[in-house]
Structure formats: C-alpha cells, structure tokens
Amino acid sequence: MNAIPTTTLWRPTGPAELELVRESGWTAWPARLPDQPIFYPVLNEDYAIKIARDWNVPASGVGYVTRFRIETEFVIRYPVRQAGGRTILELWVPAAELVEFNRHIVGPIEVVHEFH
C-alpha cells in the first residue's frame, strides 16, 4: 500500500470558524467571508499558538490551534509567504480555491490547543 505524501499545516481559529469545521465533520474549512479573500494556514505550530493566544483570545474570548494534513503534491502549488520573522510562514490560498483545497485534506482537522 502506497501512502500519499502529506504536509502538516496549522490554523489558528476562533469559535465561529471552529463550529463550522465541526459541522463539516472535521473535514473542511468554511468559505471565506467577502472581506477575506485569502485562507492562510501556517507552517509551524509555534506561530499558530501565538496567533490563537494573542489575537483570537482578545477578539472572542477563546482561541484554538488546529492541525491538519494535506496532500503534498497538491499544496506545493501555493507559495510560502513570510509574514514577519523567519518562522512566521503562511500559505496563501485564494478563497475561490478553498473547495478544491478541502478535497485534498487527508484525515480529520484536529484541535491541538485551546486558550482562554
């Protein structure tokens, strides 16, 4: 059996987005709002923790860090963007491509940290 190579990504999120992920059966990210043209998962857990703790908690009282795997062959089409320091790395997925992006998620989206 040949396993599909995957890349692990993290996504800091608030309670509203997490509820939509839960409603998908932990298999998909929800459509972006009109003022959100980019879906940006991040490439390392520490950066996701910082966003969830420092931005999501003040904004909504709780912040979550999720982890998911995606097919490497698919995800390499998206350039890595440096959003600040060397380890502050994101993928920028156009909102219009999110349905296709979701089709390449392997396994469930998991909550790995929660901050209040």
N, C-alpha and C. Protein backbone atom coordinates (compact mmCIF):
# COMPACT_ATOMS: atom_id res chain seq x y z
N MET A 1 0.85 -1.18 0.00
CA MET A 1 0.00 0.00 0.00
C MET A 1 0.89 1.24 0.00
N ASN A 2 0.67 2.13 -0.93
CA ASN A 2 1.44 3.37 -1.02
C ASN A 2 0.66 4.50 -0.37
N ALA A 3 1.24 5.06 0.68
CA ALA A 3 0.61 6.19 1.35
C ALA A 3 0.87 7.45 0.54
N ILE A 4 -0.10 8.33 0.51
CA ILE A 4 0.05 9.61 -0.17
C ILE A 4 0.89 10.52 0.72
N PRO A 5 1.97 11.10 0.19
CA PRO A 5 2.76 12.04 1.00
C PRO A 5 1.91 13.25 1.39
N THR A 6 2.03 13.63 2.65
CA THR A 6 1.25 14.76 3.16
C THR A 6 2.16 15.79 3.82
N THR A 7 1.62 16.99 3.92
CA THR A 7 2.26 18.10 4.62
C THR A 7 1.35 18.48 5.77
N THR A 8 1.91 18.69 6.95
CA THR A 8 1.13 19.11 8.10
C THR A 8 1.09 20.63 8.16
N LEU A 9 -0.12 21.17 8.34
CA LEU A 9 -0.34 22.60 8.48
C LEU A 9 -1.12 22.87 9.76
N TRP A 10 -1.06 24.09 10.24
CA TRP A 10 -1.80 24.52 11.41
C TRP A 10 -2.67 25.70 11.04
N ARG A 11 -3.75 25.87 11.77
CA ARG A 11 -4.65 27.01 11.53
C ARG A 11 -5.14 27.52 12.87
N PRO A 12 -4.74 28.74 13.26
CA PRO A 12 -5.34 29.36 14.44
C PRO A 12 -6.75 29.79 14.09
N THR A 13 -7.68 29.59 15.00
CA THR A 13 -9.07 29.91 14.69
C THR A 13 -9.85 30.29 15.93
N GLY A 14 -10.91 30.98 15.71
CA GLY A 14 -11.82 31.35 16.79
C GLY A 14 -13.00 30.41 16.84
N PRO A 15 -13.92 30.63 17.77
CA PRO A 15 -15.02 29.70 17.97
C PRO A 15 -16.00 29.62 16.80
N ALA A 16 -16.27 30.70 16.10
CA ALA A 16 -17.23 30.65 14.99
C ALA A 16 -16.72 29.78 13.86
N GLU A 17 -15.45 29.99 13.47
CA GLU A 17 -14.89 29.16 12.41
C GLU A 17 -14.79 27.70 12.84
N LEU A 18 -14.40 27.47 14.10
CA LEU A 18 -14.28 26.10 14.57
C LEU A 18 -15.63 25.38 14.54
N GLU A 19 -16.70 26.07 14.86
CA GLU A 19 -18.03 25.46 14.81
C GLU A 19 -18.37 25.01 13.38
N LEU A 20 -18.00 25.81 12.41
CA LEU A 20 -18.25 25.43 11.01
C LEU A 20 -17.40 24.22 10.60
N VAL A 21 -16.18 24.14 11.10
CA VAL A 21 -15.34 22.96 10.84
C VAL A 21 -16.00 21.73 11.47
N ARG A 22 -16.48 21.89 12.71
CA ARG A 22 -17.16 20.79 13.40
C ARG A 22 -18.37 20.32 12.59
N GLU A 23 -19.15 21.28 12.07
CA GLU A 23 -20.33 20.94 11.27
C GLU A 23 -19.97 20.19 9.99
N SER A 24 -18.75 20.38 9.49
CA SER A 24 -18.30 19.65 8.29
C SER A 24 -17.89 18.22 8.61
N GLY A 25 -17.93 17.86 9.88
CA GLY A 25 -17.42 16.54 10.28
C GLY A 25 -15.91 16.53 10.42
N TRP A 26 -15.34 17.71 10.67
CA TRP A 26 -13.89 17.89 10.84
C TRP A 26 -13.13 17.60 9.55
N THR A 27 -13.76 17.88 8.40
CA THR A 27 -13.14 17.55 7.12
C THR A 27 -12.89 18.74 6.20
N ALA A 28 -13.38 19.94 6.54
CA ALA A 28 -13.28 21.06 5.60
C ALA A 28 -13.27 22.40 6.32
N TRP A 29 -12.61 23.34 5.68
CA TRP A 29 -12.62 24.73 6.13
C TRP A 29 -13.79 25.45 5.48
N PRO A 30 -14.45 26.33 6.23
CA PRO A 30 -15.61 27.03 5.66
C PRO A 30 -15.21 28.09 4.64
N ALA A 31 -16.16 28.44 3.80
CA ALA A 31 -15.95 29.51 2.82
C ALA A 31 -15.54 30.78 3.55
N ARG A 32 -14.73 31.56 2.91
CA ARG A 32 -14.30 32.83 3.46
C ARG A 32 -15.42 33.85 3.37
N LEU A 33 -15.40 34.81 4.26
CA LEU A 33 -16.34 35.93 4.20
C LEU A 33 -15.91 36.86 3.07
N PRO A 34 -16.80 37.71 2.60
CA PRO A 34 -16.45 38.59 1.48
C PRO A 34 -15.19 39.44 1.71
N ASP A 35 -14.92 39.81 2.96
CA ASP A 35 -13.73 40.61 3.25
C ASP A 35 -12.49 39.75 3.55
N GLN A 36 -12.58 38.45 3.27
CA GLN A 36 -11.47 37.52 3.50
C GLN A 36 -11.09 36.83 2.18
N PRO A 37 -10.33 37.46 1.33
CA PRO A 37 -10.01 36.87 0.03
C PRO A 37 -8.98 35.75 0.08
N ILE A 38 -8.32 35.59 1.24
CA ILE A 38 -7.26 34.59 1.37
C ILE A 38 -7.51 33.72 2.59
N PHE A 39 -7.32 32.41 2.43
CA PHE A 39 -7.29 31.46 3.54
C PHE A 39 -5.81 31.20 3.80
N TYR A 40 -5.38 31.39 5.04
CA TYR A 40 -3.95 31.24 5.29
C TYR A 40 -3.67 30.30 6.45
N PRO A 41 -3.45 29.02 6.15
CA PRO A 41 -2.91 28.12 7.16
C PRO A 41 -1.43 28.45 7.36
N VAL A 42 -0.88 28.08 8.49
CA VAL A 42 0.51 28.41 8.79
C VAL A 42 1.36 27.15 8.82
N LEU A 43 2.67 27.34 8.70
CA LEU A 43 3.58 26.21 8.54
C LEU A 43 4.21 25.72 9.83
N ASN A 44 3.97 26.42 10.94
CA ASN A 44 4.53 25.89 12.18
C ASN A 44 3.59 26.15 13.36
N GLU A 45 3.65 25.24 14.28
CA GLU A 45 2.75 25.25 15.43
C GLU A 45 2.98 26.46 16.33
N ASP A 46 4.23 26.86 16.54
CA ASP A 46 4.50 28.00 17.43
C ASP A 46 3.83 29.28 16.93
N TYR A 47 3.88 29.51 15.63
CA TYR A 47 3.24 30.70 15.06
C TYR A 47 1.72 30.61 15.24
N ALA A 48 1.15 29.43 15.03
CA ALA A 48 -0.30 29.25 15.22
C ALA A 48 -0.70 29.50 16.67
N ILE A 49 0.11 29.05 17.60
CA ILE A 49 -0.16 29.28 19.02
C ILE A 49 -0.17 30.77 19.32
N LYS A 50 0.83 31.48 18.80
CA LYS A 50 0.91 32.93 19.05
C LYS A 50 -0.34 33.65 18.55
N ILE A 51 -0.80 33.32 17.36
CA ILE A 51 -2.00 33.97 16.82
C ILE A 51 -3.23 33.61 17.65
N ALA A 52 -3.41 32.33 17.95
CA ALA A 52 -4.59 31.90 18.72
C ALA A 52 -4.61 32.55 20.10
N ARG A 53 -3.48 32.58 20.77
CA ARG A 53 -3.40 33.12 22.13
C ARG A 53 -3.45 34.64 22.15
N ASP A 54 -2.71 35.29 21.24
CA ASP A 54 -2.55 36.74 21.32
C ASP A 54 -3.60 37.52 20.52
N TRP A 55 -4.23 36.90 19.52
CA TRP A 55 -5.21 37.60 18.70
C TRP A 55 -6.62 37.06 18.88
N ASN A 56 -6.78 35.73 18.81
CA ASN A 56 -8.13 35.16 18.90
C ASN A 56 -8.73 35.31 20.30
N VAL A 57 -7.93 35.10 21.35
CA VAL A 57 -8.47 35.22 22.70
C VAL A 57 -9.00 36.63 22.97
N PRO A 58 -8.23 37.70 22.70
CA PRO A 58 -8.79 39.04 22.93
C PRO A 58 -10.01 39.33 22.06
N ALA A 59 -10.05 38.78 20.86
CA ALA A 59 -11.16 39.06 19.94
C ALA A 59 -12.44 38.32 20.30
N SER A 60 -12.30 37.08 20.81
CA SER A 60 -13.52 36.28 21.03
C SER A 60 -13.53 35.50 22.34
N GLY A 61 -12.53 35.69 23.19
CA GLY A 61 -12.51 35.02 24.48
C GLY A 61 -11.89 33.63 24.45
N VAL A 62 -11.69 33.07 23.27
CA VAL A 62 -11.08 31.75 23.15
C VAL A 62 -10.36 31.68 21.80
N GLY A 63 -9.26 30.95 21.81
CA GLY A 63 -8.51 30.72 20.58
C GLY A 63 -8.13 29.27 20.49
N TYR A 64 -8.20 28.73 19.30
CA TYR A 64 -7.87 27.32 19.08
C TYR A 64 -6.74 27.22 18.06
N VAL A 65 -5.94 26.19 18.22
CA VAL A 65 -4.96 25.83 17.20
C VAL A 65 -5.40 24.49 16.65
N THR A 66 -5.59 24.45 15.34
CA THR A 66 -5.94 23.20 14.69
C THR A 66 -4.75 22.72 13.88
N ARG A 67 -4.75 21.42 13.62
CA ARG A 67 -3.70 20.79 12.81
C ARG A 67 -4.40 19.90 11.79
N PHE A 68 -3.87 19.90 10.59
CA PHE A 68 -4.41 19.01 9.57
C PHE A 68 -3.32 18.65 8.57
N ARG A 69 -3.57 17.60 7.85
CA ARG A 69 -2.63 17.15 6.82
C ARG A 69 -3.28 17.35 5.45
N ILE A 70 -2.46 17.68 4.48
CA ILE A 70 -2.94 17.89 3.11
C ILE A 70 -1.95 17.24 2.15
N GLU A 71 -2.44 16.78 1.03
CA GLU A 71 -1.58 16.13 0.04
C GLU A 71 -0.47 17.09 -0.39
N THR A 72 0.77 16.66 -0.22
CA THR A 72 1.92 17.50 -0.55
C THR A 72 1.92 17.88 -2.02
N GLU A 73 1.65 16.93 -2.89
CA GLU A 73 1.68 17.20 -4.33
C GLU A 73 0.71 18.32 -4.72
N PHE A 74 -0.41 18.40 -4.01
CA PHE A 74 -1.38 19.46 -4.27
C PHE A 74 -0.93 20.79 -3.67
N VAL A 75 -0.53 20.78 -2.42
CA VAL A 75 -0.30 22.02 -1.68
C VAL A 75 0.95 22.77 -2.12
N ILE A 76 1.86 22.11 -2.81
CA ILE A 76 3.08 22.82 -3.24
C ILE A 76 2.79 23.90 -4.29
N ARG A 77 1.58 23.92 -4.82
CA ARG A 77 1.23 24.98 -5.79
C ARG A 77 1.12 26.35 -5.13
N TYR A 78 0.96 26.37 -3.81
CA TYR A 78 0.79 27.64 -3.09
C TYR A 78 2.13 28.10 -2.55
N PRO A 79 2.51 29.33 -2.84
CA PRO A 79 3.80 29.82 -2.34
C PRO A 79 3.77 30.05 -0.84
N VAL A 80 4.90 29.83 -0.22
CA VAL A 80 5.06 30.13 1.20
C VAL A 80 5.33 31.62 1.31
N ARG A 81 4.59 32.28 2.18
CA ARG A 81 4.75 33.72 2.40
C ARG A 81 5.34 33.94 3.78
N GLN A 82 6.32 34.79 3.86
CA GLN A 82 6.90 35.15 5.15
C GLN A 82 6.16 36.39 5.65
N ALA A 83 5.47 36.24 6.77
CA ALA A 83 4.60 37.31 7.29
C ALA A 83 5.28 38.15 8.36
N GLY A 84 6.54 37.95 8.56
CA GLY A 84 7.27 38.68 9.59
C GLY A 84 8.65 38.04 9.73
N GLY A 85 8.91 37.46 10.88
CA GLY A 85 10.20 36.82 11.13
C GLY A 85 10.39 35.55 10.33
N ARG A 86 11.57 34.97 10.47
CA ARG A 86 11.94 33.77 9.71
C ARG A 86 10.96 32.62 9.86
N THR A 87 10.38 32.47 11.04
CA THR A 87 9.49 31.33 11.28
C THR A 87 8.01 31.70 11.15
N ILE A 88 7.72 32.90 10.73
CA ILE A 88 6.33 33.34 10.58
C ILE A 88 5.94 33.11 9.12
N LEU A 89 5.57 31.86 8.84
CA LEU A 89 5.34 31.42 7.48
C LEU A 89 3.89 30.97 7.29
N GLU A 90 3.32 31.39 6.17
CA GLU A 90 1.93 31.08 5.85
C GLU A 90 1.84 30.61 4.40
N LEU A 91 0.77 29.87 4.12
CA LEU A 91 0.38 29.62 2.74
C LEU A 91 -0.79 30.55 2.45
N TRP A 92 -0.82 31.12 1.28
CA TRP A 92 -1.93 31.98 0.90
C TRP A 92 -2.74 31.26 -0.15
N VAL A 93 -3.92 30.81 0.26
CA VAL A 93 -4.82 30.07 -0.63
C VAL A 93 -5.97 31.02 -0.99
N PRO A 94 -6.13 31.35 -2.28
CA PRO A 94 -7.25 32.21 -2.66
C PRO A 94 -8.58 31.61 -2.23
N ALA A 95 -9.46 32.43 -1.71
CA ALA A 95 -10.76 31.96 -1.23
C ALA A 95 -11.50 31.16 -2.29
N ALA A 96 -11.36 31.55 -3.55
CA ALA A 96 -12.05 30.85 -4.63
C ALA A 96 -11.56 29.42 -4.81
N GLU A 97 -10.41 29.08 -4.26
CA GLU A 97 -9.84 27.74 -4.41
C GLU A 97 -10.04 26.87 -3.17
N LEU A 98 -10.75 27.36 -2.18
CA LEU A 98 -10.86 26.64 -0.90
C LEU A 98 -11.61 25.32 -1.03
N VAL A 99 -12.62 25.25 -1.86
CA VAL A 99 -13.35 23.98 -2.04
C VAL A 99 -12.38 22.91 -2.55
N GLU A 100 -11.58 23.26 -3.55
CA GLU A 100 -10.60 22.31 -4.08
C GLU A 100 -9.54 21.98 -3.03
N PHE A 101 -9.08 22.97 -2.29
CA PHE A 101 -8.12 22.76 -1.21
C PHE A 101 -8.66 21.72 -0.22
N ASN A 102 -9.92 21.89 0.18
CA ASN A 102 -10.54 20.97 1.14
C ASN A 102 -10.57 19.53 0.63
N ARG A 103 -10.70 19.34 -0.67
CA ARG A 103 -10.75 17.99 -1.24
C ARG A 103 -9.44 17.24 -1.04
N HIS A 104 -8.37 17.96 -0.77
CA HIS A 104 -7.05 17.34 -0.64
C HIS A 104 -6.60 17.19 0.81
N ILE A 105 -7.47 17.52 1.75
CA ILE A 105 -7.16 17.28 3.17
C ILE A 105 -7.22 15.78 3.41
N VAL A 106 -6.23 15.28 4.15
CA VAL A 106 -6.14 13.85 4.45
C VAL A 106 -6.40 13.68 5.94
N GLY A 107 -7.45 12.95 6.28
CA GLY A 107 -7.78 12.73 7.69
C GLY A 107 -8.52 13.93 8.26
N PRO A 108 -8.78 13.88 9.56
CA PRO A 108 -9.57 14.95 10.19
C PRO A 108 -8.75 16.19 10.53
N ILE A 109 -9.44 17.29 10.64
CA ILE A 109 -8.89 18.52 11.21
C ILE A 109 -8.98 18.35 12.72
N GLU A 110 -7.89 18.55 13.43
CA GLU A 110 -7.85 18.30 14.87
C GLU A 110 -7.57 19.57 15.65
N VAL A 111 -8.20 19.73 16.80
CA VAL A 111 -7.86 20.80 17.73
C VAL A 111 -6.71 20.29 18.60
N VAL A 112 -5.60 21.02 18.59
CA VAL A 112 -4.43 20.59 19.37
C VAL A 112 -4.12 21.51 20.54
N HIS A 113 -4.68 22.75 20.54
CA HIS A 113 -4.51 23.66 21.66
C HIS A 113 -5.75 24.53 21.79
N GLU A 114 -6.02 24.92 23.04
CA GLU A 114 -7.16 25.83 23.31
C GLU A 114 -6.69 26.83 24.36
N PHE A 115 -6.98 28.11 24.10
CA PHE A 115 -6.57 29.18 25.00
C PHE A 115 -7.77 30.02 25.39
N HIS A 116 -7.80 30.44 26.69
CA HIS A 116 -8.89 31.30 27.19
C HIS A 116 -8.30 32.54 27.81
